[in-house]
Every structure is written in structure tokens, then in C-alpha cells.
Amino acid sequence: VGSDGYTRAGIDYNAPLGANAALRAVSAGSRSDGYVEDTADRRAAGMLALRVDPSESTRLDIAFERYRDDYDTPYWGTPLVPLAVARDPTGVASTANGYVVDRALRSRNFNVADGYSDARADWVRTRYAWQIDDTWRFVNELDRYDAKRRWQNTETYTWDAAAANLRRSTTRITHDHDYWVERASFAADGEIG
């Protein structure tokens, strides 16, 4: 266990499956309480892969990968405030109009209370390779990728002098990727001419 409740673990397993095949499994994860209030996060990833050489000239690779992350409320930094408002001003950064970083605010998360940032991704990959002869080879790859990502948070903070408080923007972004890839190729190793 590290600072801010940070922990991580991982395992990697490789095993031969006879003379012409092998299996690999990898799993890893981590979590943290965050170094600023309400910024805990969790991440997990795994992969399972199989390699088979059916003959001296052919090879088949199949793999499945999964990734997950979840951030409670992302932290986007400490806003600059007028020197007159800062309880513990620093000289780390300042602006021409007298705004400074207030050390008293450095552990506070100014994001919205219901902010989040998370991602989920699954990827299946296959690759078949055939060395046809000393010159020619054929390779076919077929993949499927499916990912979903969501963000809801405040990414900008501006001091509102009239209201004497911070104004925040709200951003909501979603990605939904789902696609297939089919790629076949013939290649030759040799001299031209």
C-alpha cells in the first residue's frame, strides 16, 4: 500500500500446451483514494492469448483483452483567485490582474459533486500467418473492438468578481466505439529486377 491508499497487483502466467501451442494470461489492477478529496480511482486490465503453430509454415494467434477504469470525480486543478480573496497565497503562478494560487484550496476538488470519468474496452484479435514458400507469405487479421467511455465534470473554473465565487462549466462526453477490422495481405521477400 502506497501513499493516498494506492495499491496495485498483477499476475502473468505463461504455459506451453504441447510442442506447438502456448497460453498466456495477464491480469493487473490498481486503486487509489486520490490525493485530492473525492478523487478515488480503480483500474483493471486482463488479457488471455493463445498461440498455435499447426505446422512449420502456419501460425494462429488469438487474444482477448479487457480494460476498465473508474474515476469518482476527476481533479482538474486549483483555480486562480484574486490575491485579496486568497487565504494562503503563493507565488507559484500569478496573472497580470492579480490572480494567484491559494494554497488553502490545493486539496479541494472543485469538480461537480456527481462528476465521473470511466472507460470500458474489449478487444478480440486474431492473426493467421502462412509462409507459402521461401518467398511468399499470407497474413490475415480479424479484430473486433468495443469501447464505451463517459465523462461528466467541470473542466474550467473562472472567478466571478461580481458574485465573489467560482463559475464552473459542465462537460458531458460519451464515446461508443464498436468496429471490426479485416485485413489480409500477401507479401514477398525477394529482389526486383
N, C-alpha and C. Protein backbone atom coordinates (compact mmCIF):
# COMPACT_ATOMS: atom_id res chain seq x y z
N VAL A 1 0.85 -1.18 0.00
CA VAL A 1 0.00 0.00 0.00
C VAL A 1 0.89 1.23 0.00
N GLY A 2 0.61 2.15 -0.91
CA GLY A 2 1.40 3.37 -1.01
C GLY A 2 0.66 4.56 -0.46
N SER A 3 1.15 5.73 -0.77
CA SER A 3 0.51 6.94 -0.30
C SER A 3 -0.87 7.09 -0.93
N ASP A 4 -1.74 7.79 -0.25
CA ASP A 4 -3.12 8.03 -0.69
C ASP A 4 -3.89 6.74 -0.96
N GLY A 5 -3.54 5.68 -0.22
CA GLY A 5 -4.25 4.41 -0.36
C GLY A 5 -4.00 3.70 -1.67
N TYR A 6 -2.90 4.01 -2.34
CA TYR A 6 -2.62 3.40 -3.64
C TYR A 6 -2.17 1.95 -3.47
N THR A 7 -2.84 1.05 -4.16
CA THR A 7 -2.45 -0.36 -4.19
C THR A 7 -2.51 -0.85 -5.63
N ARG A 8 -1.68 -1.82 -5.93
CA ARG A 8 -1.73 -2.44 -7.26
C ARG A 8 -1.28 -3.88 -7.14
N ALA A 9 -1.77 -4.68 -8.06
CA ALA A 9 -1.41 -6.09 -8.09
C ALA A 9 -1.46 -6.56 -9.53
N GLY A 10 -0.67 -7.57 -9.82
CA GLY A 10 -0.67 -8.11 -11.16
C GLY A 10 -0.15 -9.53 -11.17
N ILE A 11 -0.54 -10.27 -12.18
CA ILE A 11 -0.06 -11.63 -12.34
C ILE A 11 0.09 -11.90 -13.84
N ASP A 12 1.10 -12.66 -14.18
CA ASP A 12 1.38 -13.01 -15.57
C ASP A 12 1.68 -14.50 -15.60
N TYR A 13 0.94 -15.25 -16.40
CA TYR A 13 1.09 -16.70 -16.45
C TYR A 13 1.31 -17.13 -17.89
N ASN A 14 2.35 -17.90 -18.13
CA ASN A 14 2.66 -18.45 -19.45
C ASN A 14 2.77 -19.96 -19.32
N ALA A 15 2.17 -20.68 -20.25
CA ALA A 15 2.23 -22.14 -20.17
C ALA A 15 2.27 -22.75 -21.57
N PRO A 16 3.19 -23.68 -21.78
CA PRO A 16 3.17 -24.42 -23.05
C PRO A 16 2.00 -25.40 -23.05
N LEU A 17 1.40 -25.57 -24.21
CA LEU A 17 0.32 -26.55 -24.38
C LEU A 17 0.78 -27.55 -25.44
N GLY A 18 1.67 -28.39 -25.05
CA GLY A 18 2.26 -29.32 -26.01
C GLY A 18 3.42 -28.66 -26.73
N ALA A 19 3.84 -29.28 -27.83
CA ALA A 19 5.02 -28.79 -28.55
C ALA A 19 4.71 -27.62 -29.47
N ASN A 20 3.44 -27.43 -29.84
CA ASN A 20 3.11 -26.42 -30.86
C ASN A 20 2.13 -25.35 -30.40
N ALA A 21 1.93 -25.20 -29.10
CA ALA A 21 0.96 -24.19 -28.64
C ALA A 21 1.39 -23.63 -27.28
N ALA A 22 0.90 -22.43 -27.01
CA ALA A 22 1.19 -21.79 -25.72
C ALA A 22 0.03 -20.89 -25.34
N LEU A 23 -0.14 -20.74 -24.05
CA LEU A 23 -1.20 -19.91 -23.50
C LEU A 23 -0.56 -18.85 -22.60
N ARG A 24 -1.10 -17.64 -22.66
CA ARG A 24 -0.63 -16.58 -21.77
C ARG A 24 -1.83 -15.87 -21.19
N ALA A 25 -1.79 -15.65 -19.87
CA ALA A 25 -2.85 -14.91 -19.18
C ALA A 25 -2.19 -13.82 -18.33
N VAL A 26 -2.74 -12.61 -18.43
CA VAL A 26 -2.21 -11.48 -17.68
C VAL A 26 -3.38 -10.75 -17.04
N SER A 27 -3.20 -10.39 -15.77
CA SER A 27 -4.23 -9.62 -15.08
C SER A 27 -3.54 -8.60 -14.19
N ALA A 28 -4.07 -7.39 -14.16
CA ALA A 28 -3.49 -6.33 -13.33
C ALA A 28 -4.59 -5.38 -12.90
N GLY A 29 -4.40 -4.81 -11.74
CA GLY A 29 -5.38 -3.84 -11.25
C GLY A 29 -4.74 -2.91 -10.25
N SER A 30 -5.38 -1.77 -10.05
CA SER A 30 -4.90 -0.81 -9.06
C SER A 30 -6.07 0.03 -8.57
N ARG A 31 -5.86 0.65 -7.43
CA ARG A 31 -6.86 1.56 -6.87
C ARG A 31 -6.15 2.60 -6.03
N SER A 32 -6.82 3.72 -5.84
CA SER A 32 -6.26 4.80 -5.04
C SER A 32 -7.40 5.59 -4.43
N ASP A 33 -7.15 6.16 -3.26
CA ASP A 33 -8.12 7.07 -2.64
C ASP A 33 -8.03 8.46 -3.25
N GLY A 34 -6.99 8.73 -4.02
CA GLY A 34 -6.78 10.03 -4.64
C GLY A 34 -6.03 10.97 -3.72
N TYR A 35 -5.31 11.90 -4.28
CA TYR A 35 -4.53 12.84 -3.48
C TYR A 35 -5.29 14.13 -3.20
N VAL A 36 -6.49 14.25 -3.75
CA VAL A 36 -7.39 15.37 -3.51
C VAL A 36 -8.74 14.77 -3.17
N GLU A 37 -9.56 15.47 -2.38
CA GLU A 37 -10.84 14.93 -1.95
C GLU A 37 -11.69 14.43 -3.13
N ASP A 38 -12.38 13.33 -2.91
CA ASP A 38 -13.34 12.76 -3.86
C ASP A 38 -12.71 12.42 -5.22
N THR A 39 -11.48 11.90 -5.22
CA THR A 39 -10.83 11.55 -6.49
C THR A 39 -10.36 10.09 -6.51
N ALA A 40 -11.05 9.23 -5.81
CA ALA A 40 -10.67 7.81 -5.82
C ALA A 40 -10.76 7.26 -7.24
N ASP A 41 -9.95 6.25 -7.52
CA ASP A 41 -9.99 5.65 -8.84
C ASP A 41 -9.67 4.16 -8.74
N ARG A 42 -10.15 3.42 -9.74
CA ARG A 42 -9.91 1.99 -9.85
C ARG A 42 -9.65 1.66 -11.32
N ARG A 43 -8.68 0.75 -11.54
CA ARG A 43 -8.36 0.30 -12.90
C ARG A 43 -8.13 -1.20 -12.89
N ALA A 44 -8.55 -1.86 -13.95
CA ALA A 44 -8.32 -3.30 -14.09
C ALA A 44 -8.12 -3.63 -15.56
N ALA A 45 -7.20 -4.55 -15.82
CA ALA A 45 -6.94 -4.98 -17.19
C ALA A 45 -6.61 -6.46 -17.19
N GLY A 46 -6.97 -7.12 -18.26
CA GLY A 46 -6.66 -8.53 -18.39
C GLY A 46 -6.49 -8.91 -19.84
N MET A 47 -5.74 -9.99 -20.06
CA MET A 47 -5.51 -10.47 -21.42
C MET A 47 -5.35 -11.98 -21.37
N LEU A 48 -5.95 -12.64 -22.32
CA LEU A 48 -5.80 -14.08 -22.49
C LEU A 48 -5.42 -14.31 -23.95
N ALA A 49 -4.31 -15.00 -24.18
CA ALA A 49 -3.83 -15.19 -25.55
C ALA A 49 -3.42 -16.64 -25.78
N LEU A 50 -3.66 -17.09 -26.98
CA LEU A 50 -3.31 -18.45 -27.38
C LEU A 50 -2.53 -18.38 -28.68
N ARG A 51 -1.42 -19.09 -28.73
CA ARG A 51 -0.64 -19.20 -29.98
C ARG A 51 -0.55 -20.68 -30.33
N VAL A 52 -0.89 -20.98 -31.59
CA VAL A 52 -0.83 -22.36 -32.08
C VAL A 52 -0.07 -22.36 -33.39
N ASP A 53 0.88 -23.28 -33.52
CA ASP A 53 1.61 -23.49 -34.76
C ASP A 53 1.16 -24.85 -35.32
N PRO A 54 0.10 -24.86 -36.14
CA PRO A 54 -0.41 -26.13 -36.66
C PRO A 54 0.61 -26.88 -37.52
N SER A 55 1.50 -26.13 -38.16
CA SER A 55 2.54 -26.75 -38.97
C SER A 55 3.77 -25.84 -38.94
N GLU A 56 4.84 -26.24 -39.61
CA GLU A 56 6.04 -25.41 -39.64
C GLU A 56 5.83 -24.11 -40.40
N SER A 57 4.82 -24.06 -41.25
CA SER A 57 4.62 -22.88 -42.09
C SER A 57 3.41 -22.04 -41.68
N THR A 58 2.67 -22.46 -40.65
CA THR A 58 1.48 -21.70 -40.26
C THR A 58 1.50 -21.37 -38.77
N ARG A 59 0.88 -20.25 -38.45
CA ARG A 59 0.77 -19.81 -37.05
C ARG A 59 -0.57 -19.11 -36.86
N LEU A 60 -1.25 -19.41 -35.76
CA LEU A 60 -2.51 -18.77 -35.41
C LEU A 60 -2.38 -18.15 -34.02
N ASP A 61 -2.70 -16.85 -33.93
CA ASP A 61 -2.72 -16.13 -32.65
C ASP A 61 -4.14 -15.65 -32.40
N ILE A 62 -4.62 -15.89 -31.19
CA ILE A 62 -5.94 -15.42 -30.77
C ILE A 62 -5.76 -14.76 -29.41
N ALA A 63 -6.34 -13.56 -29.25
CA ALA A 63 -6.20 -12.86 -27.98
C ALA A 63 -7.48 -12.12 -27.63
N PHE A 64 -7.75 -12.05 -26.35
CA PHE A 64 -8.87 -11.26 -25.83
C PHE A 64 -8.31 -10.34 -24.75
N GLU A 65 -8.61 -9.05 -24.85
CA GLU A 65 -8.15 -8.07 -23.87
C GLU A 65 -9.34 -7.30 -23.32
N ARG A 66 -9.29 -7.00 -22.04
CA ARG A 66 -10.35 -6.21 -21.39
C ARG A 66 -9.69 -5.16 -20.51
N TYR A 67 -10.24 -3.94 -20.57
CA TYR A 67 -9.74 -2.84 -19.74
C TYR A 67 -10.92 -2.10 -19.13
N ARG A 68 -10.77 -1.72 -17.86
CA ARG A 68 -11.81 -0.95 -17.15
C ARG A 68 -11.12 0.11 -16.31
N ASP A 69 -11.69 1.31 -16.27
CA ASP A 69 -11.25 2.30 -15.28
C ASP A 69 -12.46 3.09 -14.80
N ASP A 70 -12.34 3.60 -13.59
CA ASP A 70 -13.43 4.34 -12.99
C ASP A 70 -12.83 5.38 -12.04
N TYR A 71 -13.06 6.64 -12.35
CA TYR A 71 -12.59 7.75 -11.52
C TYR A 71 -13.82 8.42 -10.91
N ASP A 72 -13.84 8.52 -9.58
CA ASP A 72 -15.02 9.12 -8.92
C ASP A 72 -15.32 10.50 -9.47
N THR A 73 -14.47 11.44 -9.21
CA THR A 73 -14.63 12.80 -9.72
C THR A 73 -13.25 13.30 -10.12
N PRO A 74 -13.00 13.45 -11.40
CA PRO A 74 -11.68 13.88 -11.84
C PRO A 74 -11.29 15.22 -11.22
N TYR A 75 -10.00 15.38 -11.02
CA TYR A 75 -9.45 16.61 -10.47
C TYR A 75 -8.79 17.39 -11.60
N TRP A 76 -9.20 18.63 -11.81
CA TRP A 76 -8.68 19.44 -12.91
C TRP A 76 -7.86 20.63 -12.43
N GLY A 77 -7.42 20.60 -11.19
CA GLY A 77 -6.52 21.64 -10.73
C GLY A 77 -7.17 22.65 -9.80
N THR A 78 -6.34 23.54 -9.29
CA THR A 78 -6.77 24.59 -8.38
C THR A 78 -6.97 25.88 -9.16
N PRO A 79 -8.11 26.52 -9.03
CA PRO A 79 -8.36 27.76 -9.78
C PRO A 79 -7.55 28.93 -9.22
N LEU A 80 -7.26 29.87 -10.07
CA LEU A 80 -6.64 31.11 -9.63
C LEU A 80 -7.73 32.02 -9.07
N VAL A 81 -7.42 32.70 -7.96
CA VAL A 81 -8.38 33.61 -7.33
C VAL A 81 -7.68 34.95 -7.08
N PRO A 82 -8.45 36.02 -6.89
CA PRO A 82 -7.83 37.32 -6.61
C PRO A 82 -6.99 37.26 -5.34
N LEU A 83 -5.87 37.96 -5.34
CA LEU A 83 -4.99 37.99 -4.18
C LEU A 83 -5.75 38.41 -2.93
N ALA A 84 -6.69 39.33 -3.05
CA ALA A 84 -7.45 39.82 -1.90
C ALA A 84 -8.34 38.74 -1.29
N VAL A 85 -8.71 37.72 -2.08
CA VAL A 85 -9.58 36.64 -1.60
C VAL A 85 -8.77 35.45 -1.07
N ALA A 86 -7.56 35.27 -1.56
CA ALA A 86 -6.73 34.11 -1.18
C ALA A 86 -6.41 34.13 0.31
N ARG A 87 -6.63 32.98 0.96
CA ARG A 87 -6.32 32.86 2.40
C ARG A 87 -4.84 32.56 2.63
N ASP A 88 -4.21 31.84 1.69
CA ASP A 88 -2.80 31.48 1.82
C ASP A 88 -2.15 31.58 0.43
N PRO A 89 -1.96 32.80 -0.10
CA PRO A 89 -1.47 32.97 -1.47
C PRO A 89 -0.05 32.45 -1.64
N THR A 90 0.22 31.98 -2.85
CA THR A 90 1.57 31.51 -3.19
C THR A 90 2.09 32.30 -4.37
N GLY A 91 3.36 32.19 -4.62
CA GLY A 91 3.97 32.81 -5.78
C GLY A 91 4.18 31.83 -6.91
N VAL A 92 3.54 30.66 -6.83
CA VAL A 92 3.70 29.62 -7.85
C VAL A 92 3.25 30.10 -9.21
N ALA A 93 2.11 30.78 -9.26
CA ALA A 93 1.58 31.31 -10.51
C ALA A 93 0.76 32.55 -10.19
N SER A 94 0.80 33.51 -11.08
CA SER A 94 0.00 34.72 -10.90
C SER A 94 -0.29 35.30 -12.26
N THR A 95 -1.27 36.20 -12.30
CA THR A 95 -1.64 36.85 -13.55
C THR A 95 -1.44 38.35 -13.42
N ALA A 96 -1.49 39.04 -14.56
CA ALA A 96 -1.30 40.49 -14.56
C ALA A 96 -2.39 41.22 -13.78
N ASN A 97 -3.58 40.60 -13.70
CA ASN A 97 -4.67 41.26 -12.98
C ASN A 97 -4.73 40.84 -11.50
N GLY A 98 -3.67 40.19 -10.99
CA GLY A 98 -3.57 39.93 -9.56
C GLY A 98 -4.16 38.62 -9.07
N TYR A 99 -4.41 37.67 -9.95
CA TYR A 99 -4.91 36.37 -9.52
C TYR A 99 -3.73 35.48 -9.14
N VAL A 100 -3.92 34.64 -8.12
CA VAL A 100 -2.85 33.79 -7.60
C VAL A 100 -3.40 32.41 -7.27
N VAL A 101 -2.49 31.47 -7.00
CA VAL A 101 -2.86 30.15 -6.48
C VAL A 101 -2.97 30.28 -4.97
N ASP A 102 -4.09 29.82 -4.43
CA ASP A 102 -4.32 29.85 -2.98
C ASP A 102 -4.00 28.47 -2.41
N ARG A 103 -2.93 28.38 -1.62
CA ARG A 103 -2.51 27.11 -1.03
C ARG A 103 -3.64 26.48 -0.20
N ALA A 104 -4.51 27.28 0.37
CA ALA A 104 -5.61 26.77 1.19
C ALA A 104 -6.61 25.96 0.36
N LEU A 105 -6.58 26.11 -0.95
CA LEU A 105 -7.53 25.41 -1.83
C LEU A 105 -6.94 24.18 -2.51
N ARG A 106 -5.64 23.92 -2.31
CA ARG A 106 -4.97 22.90 -3.12
C ARG A 106 -5.50 21.47 -2.92
N SER A 107 -6.10 21.16 -1.79
CA SER A 107 -6.63 19.81 -1.57
C SER A 107 -8.13 19.71 -1.84
N ARG A 108 -8.70 20.78 -2.34
CA ARG A 108 -10.14 20.79 -2.59
C ARG A 108 -10.41 20.48 -4.06
N ASN A 109 -11.41 19.66 -4.30
CA ASN A 109 -11.80 19.32 -5.65
C ASN A 109 -12.98 20.21 -6.04
N PHE A 110 -12.81 21.04 -7.05
CA PHE A 110 -13.85 21.97 -7.48
C PHE A 110 -14.75 21.39 -8.55
N ASN A 111 -14.60 20.13 -8.83
CA ASN A 111 -15.45 19.49 -9.82
C ASN A 111 -16.87 19.37 -9.28
N VAL A 112 -17.81 19.08 -10.16
CA VAL A 112 -19.20 18.89 -9.74
C VAL A 112 -19.30 17.64 -8.87
N ALA A 113 -20.25 17.63 -7.94
CA ALA A 113 -20.38 16.52 -6.99
C ALA A 113 -20.69 15.20 -7.68
N ASP A 114 -21.39 15.23 -8.80
CA ASP A 114 -21.75 13.99 -9.49
C ASP A 114 -20.88 13.74 -10.72
N GLY A 115 -19.65 14.24 -10.69
CA GLY A 115 -18.74 14.03 -11.81
C GLY A 115 -18.25 12.59 -11.87
N TYR A 116 -17.87 12.17 -13.05
CA TYR A 116 -17.29 10.84 -13.22
C TYR A 116 -16.48 10.80 -14.51
N SER A 117 -15.64 9.81 -14.58
CA SER A 117 -14.87 9.52 -15.79
C SER A 117 -14.61 8.02 -15.77
N ASP A 118 -15.15 7.31 -16.74
CA ASP A 118 -14.91 5.87 -16.76
C ASP A 118 -14.80 5.36 -18.19
N ALA A 119 -14.19 4.21 -18.33
CA ALA A 119 -13.99 3.60 -19.64
C ALA A 119 -14.08 2.09 -19.53
N ARG A 120 -14.62 1.48 -20.56
CA ARG A 120 -14.72 0.03 -20.69
C ARG A 120 -14.30 -0.32 -22.12
N ALA A 121 -13.40 -1.26 -22.27
CA ALA A 121 -12.96 -1.65 -23.61
C ALA A 121 -12.70 -3.15 -23.68
N ASP A 122 -13.17 -3.78 -24.74
CA ASP A 122 -12.91 -5.18 -25.03
C ASP A 122 -12.36 -5.27 -26.44
N TRP A 123 -11.34 -6.10 -26.61
CA TRP A 123 -10.69 -6.22 -27.90
C TRP A 123 -10.39 -7.69 -28.15
N VAL A 124 -10.91 -8.24 -29.24
CA VAL A 124 -10.62 -9.62 -29.66
C VAL A 124 -9.78 -9.52 -30.93
N ARG A 125 -8.64 -10.21 -30.92
CA ARG A 125 -7.72 -10.15 -32.06
C ARG A 125 -7.39 -11.56 -32.53
N THR A 126 -7.36 -11.73 -33.84
CA THR A 126 -6.89 -12.99 -34.41
C THR A 126 -5.90 -12.67 -35.53
N ARG A 127 -4.93 -13.53 -35.67
CA ARG A 127 -3.93 -13.35 -36.74
C ARG A 127 -3.51 -14.74 -37.22
N TYR A 128 -3.69 -14.96 -38.52
CA TYR A 128 -3.28 -16.21 -39.13
C TYR A 128 -2.16 -15.90 -40.13
N ALA A 129 -1.03 -16.57 -39.99
CA ALA A 129 0.10 -16.35 -40.89
C ALA A 129 0.50 -17.68 -41.54
N TRP A 130 0.72 -17.63 -42.85
CA TRP A 130 1.10 -18.82 -43.62
C TRP A 130 2.29 -18.46 -44.50
N GLN A 131 3.41 -19.10 -44.26
CA GLN A 131 4.60 -18.94 -45.09
C GLN A 131 4.43 -19.92 -46.24
N ILE A 132 3.98 -19.43 -47.39
CA ILE A 132 3.62 -20.28 -48.52
C ILE A 132 4.84 -21.00 -49.09
N ASP A 133 5.92 -20.26 -49.29
CA ASP A 133 7.19 -20.84 -49.74
C ASP A 133 8.30 -19.92 -49.25
N ASP A 134 9.50 -20.06 -49.79
CA ASP A 134 10.62 -19.22 -49.34
C ASP A 134 10.42 -17.74 -49.64
N THR A 135 9.55 -17.42 -50.57
CA THR A 135 9.36 -16.03 -50.99
C THR A 135 8.04 -15.44 -50.48
N TRP A 136 6.97 -16.16 -50.64
CA TRP A 136 5.63 -15.62 -50.38
C TRP A 136 5.07 -16.01 -49.01
N ARG A 137 4.35 -15.05 -48.42
CA ARG A 137 3.61 -15.34 -47.21
C ARG A 137 2.26 -14.63 -47.25
N PHE A 138 1.31 -15.23 -46.55
CA PHE A 138 -0.05 -14.68 -46.45
C PHE A 138 -0.36 -14.44 -44.97
N VAL A 139 -0.95 -13.27 -44.67
CA VAL A 139 -1.34 -12.95 -43.30
C VAL A 139 -2.76 -12.41 -43.33
N ASN A 140 -3.58 -12.92 -42.42
CA ASN A 140 -4.95 -12.41 -42.27
C ASN A 140 -5.18 -12.05 -40.80
N GLU A 141 -5.68 -10.83 -40.59
CA GLU A 141 -6.00 -10.36 -39.24
C GLU A 141 -7.48 -10.00 -39.18
N LEU A 142 -8.14 -10.49 -38.16
CA LEU A 142 -9.55 -10.17 -37.93
C LEU A 142 -9.68 -9.74 -36.47
N ASP A 143 -10.15 -8.51 -36.25
CA ASP A 143 -10.26 -7.95 -34.90
C ASP A 143 -11.65 -7.38 -34.68
N ARG A 144 -12.05 -7.34 -33.42
CA ARG A 144 -13.26 -6.61 -33.01
C ARG A 144 -12.91 -5.79 -31.78
N TYR A 145 -13.29 -4.52 -31.82
CA TYR A 145 -13.02 -3.60 -30.72
C TYR A 145 -14.34 -2.97 -30.29
N ASP A 146 -14.60 -2.99 -28.99
CA ASP A 146 -15.83 -2.42 -28.44
C ASP A 146 -15.44 -1.62 -27.20
N ALA A 147 -15.72 -0.32 -27.20
CA ALA A 147 -15.34 0.51 -26.06
C ALA A 147 -16.43 1.55 -25.79
N LYS A 148 -16.61 1.82 -24.51
CA LYS A 148 -17.52 2.86 -24.08
C LYS A 148 -16.78 3.73 -23.07
N ARG A 149 -16.86 5.04 -23.26
CA ARG A 149 -16.21 5.98 -22.35
C ARG A 149 -17.21 7.07 -22.01
N ARG A 150 -17.16 7.52 -20.74
CA ARG A 150 -18.07 8.58 -20.29
C ARG A 150 -17.30 9.57 -19.42
N TRP A 151 -17.58 10.84 -19.64
CA TRP A 151 -17.04 11.90 -18.79
C TRP A 151 -18.18 12.85 -18.44
N GLN A 152 -18.27 13.20 -17.20
CA GLN A 152 -19.16 14.28 -16.77
C GLN A 152 -18.42 15.03 -15.68
N ASN A 153 -18.05 16.26 -15.97
CA ASN A 153 -17.29 17.00 -15.00
C ASN A 153 -17.21 18.48 -15.38
N THR A 154 -16.54 19.21 -14.52
CA THR A 154 -16.23 20.61 -14.76
C THR A 154 -14.77 20.68 -15.18
N GLU A 155 -14.51 21.27 -16.31
CA GLU A 155 -13.13 21.34 -16.80
C GLU A 155 -12.56 22.74 -16.73
N THR A 156 -13.39 23.75 -16.52
CA THR A 156 -12.88 25.11 -16.38
C THR A 156 -13.54 25.79 -15.19
N TYR A 157 -12.75 26.60 -14.51
CA TYR A 157 -13.22 27.39 -13.37
C TYR A 157 -12.82 28.83 -13.61
N THR A 158 -13.74 29.76 -13.37
CA THR A 158 -13.44 31.18 -13.55
C THR A 158 -13.97 31.94 -12.34
N TRP A 159 -13.17 32.82 -11.79
CA TRP A 159 -13.60 33.64 -10.67
C TRP A 159 -14.58 34.69 -11.15
N ASP A 160 -15.75 34.73 -10.53
CA ASP A 160 -16.78 35.72 -10.84
C ASP A 160 -16.70 36.82 -9.78
N ALA A 161 -16.09 37.95 -10.14
CA ALA A 161 -15.88 39.03 -9.18
C ALA A 161 -17.19 39.59 -8.65
N ALA A 162 -18.20 39.70 -9.50
CA ALA A 162 -19.49 40.27 -9.06
C ALA A 162 -20.17 39.39 -8.03
N ALA A 163 -20.09 38.07 -8.22
CA ALA A 163 -20.74 37.14 -7.28
C ALA A 163 -19.79 36.71 -6.17
N ALA A 164 -18.51 37.03 -6.32
CA ALA A 164 -17.47 36.65 -5.35
C ALA A 164 -17.41 35.13 -5.14
N ASN A 165 -17.50 34.39 -6.24
CA ASN A 165 -17.34 32.94 -6.19
C ASN A 165 -16.89 32.41 -7.54
N LEU A 166 -16.73 31.11 -7.65
CA LEU A 166 -16.28 30.49 -8.89
C LEU A 166 -17.45 30.15 -9.80
N ARG A 167 -17.25 30.37 -11.07
CA ARG A 167 -18.19 29.88 -12.08
C ARG A 167 -17.55 28.64 -12.69
N ARG A 168 -18.36 27.64 -12.94
CA ARG A 168 -17.84 26.39 -13.50
C ARG A 168 -18.61 26.02 -14.76
N SER A 169 -17.91 25.43 -15.69
CA SER A 169 -18.57 24.87 -16.87
C SER A 169 -18.87 23.41 -16.58
N THR A 170 -19.79 22.85 -17.31
CA THR A 170 -20.07 21.42 -17.18
C THR A 170 -19.89 20.77 -18.54
N THR A 171 -19.16 19.68 -18.56
CA THR A 171 -18.89 18.97 -19.80
C THR A 171 -19.41 17.54 -19.68
N ARG A 172 -20.08 17.08 -20.70
CA ARG A 172 -20.52 15.68 -20.75
C ARG A 172 -20.13 15.13 -22.11
N ILE A 173 -19.35 14.06 -22.11
CA ILE A 173 -18.88 13.44 -23.34
C ILE A 173 -19.09 11.93 -23.22
N THR A 174 -19.57 11.32 -24.28
CA THR A 174 -19.66 9.86 -24.32
C THR A 174 -19.08 9.38 -25.65
N HIS A 175 -18.41 8.25 -25.60
CA HIS A 175 -17.89 7.58 -26.80
C HIS A 175 -18.46 6.17 -26.80
N ASP A 176 -18.88 5.72 -27.94
CA ASP A 176 -19.34 4.34 -28.08
C ASP A 176 -18.71 3.79 -29.36
N HIS A 177 -17.59 3.11 -29.22
CA HIS A 177 -16.87 2.56 -30.36
C HIS A 177 -17.20 1.07 -30.49
N ASP A 178 -17.54 0.66 -31.67
CA ASP A 178 -17.77 -0.75 -31.94
C ASP A 178 -17.43 -0.98 -33.41
N TYR A 179 -16.31 -1.63 -33.66
CA TYR A 179 -15.94 -1.83 -35.05
C TYR A 179 -15.16 -3.14 -35.23
N TRP A 180 -15.17 -3.58 -36.47
CA TRP A 180 -14.46 -4.77 -36.90
C TRP A 180 -13.34 -4.35 -37.84
N VAL A 181 -12.26 -5.11 -37.84
CA VAL A 181 -11.15 -4.90 -38.77
C VAL A 181 -10.85 -6.24 -39.44
N GLU A 182 -10.84 -6.23 -40.75
CA GLU A 182 -10.44 -7.41 -41.53
C GLU A 182 -9.33 -6.96 -42.47
N ARG A 183 -8.15 -7.55 -42.32
CA ARG A 183 -7.01 -7.14 -43.13
C ARG A 183 -6.29 -8.39 -43.59
N ALA A 184 -6.20 -8.54 -44.90
CA ALA A 184 -5.49 -9.68 -45.49
C ALA A 184 -4.37 -9.14 -46.37
N SER A 185 -3.24 -9.84 -46.37
CA SER A 185 -2.14 -9.36 -47.19
C SER A 185 -1.30 -10.54 -47.69
N PHE A 186 -0.77 -10.36 -48.91
CA PHE A 186 0.25 -11.23 -49.46
C PHE A 186 1.53 -10.41 -49.51
N ALA A 187 2.62 -11.00 -49.12
CA ALA A 187 3.90 -10.30 -49.15
C ALA A 187 4.96 -11.23 -49.72
N ALA A 188 5.97 -10.62 -50.35
CA ALA A 188 7.05 -11.41 -50.93
C ALA A 188 8.39 -10.81 -50.50
N ASP A 189 9.32 -11.68 -50.15
CA ASP A 189 10.69 -11.27 -49.83
C ASP A 189 11.55 -11.70 -51.02
N GLY A 190 12.14 -10.74 -51.69
CA GLY A 190 12.98 -11.08 -52.82
C GLY A 190 13.50 -9.85 -53.51
N GLU A 191 14.18 -10.03 -54.59
CA GLU A 191 14.76 -8.92 -55.35
C GLU A 191 13.91 -8.65 -56.58
N ILE A 192 13.82 -7.37 -56.94
CA ILE A 192 13.11 -6.98 -58.15
C ILE A 192 14.12 -6.64 -59.21
N GLY A 193 13.93 -7.21 -60.39
CA GLY A 193 14.80 -6.88 -61.50
C GLY A 193 15.94 -7.81 -61.74
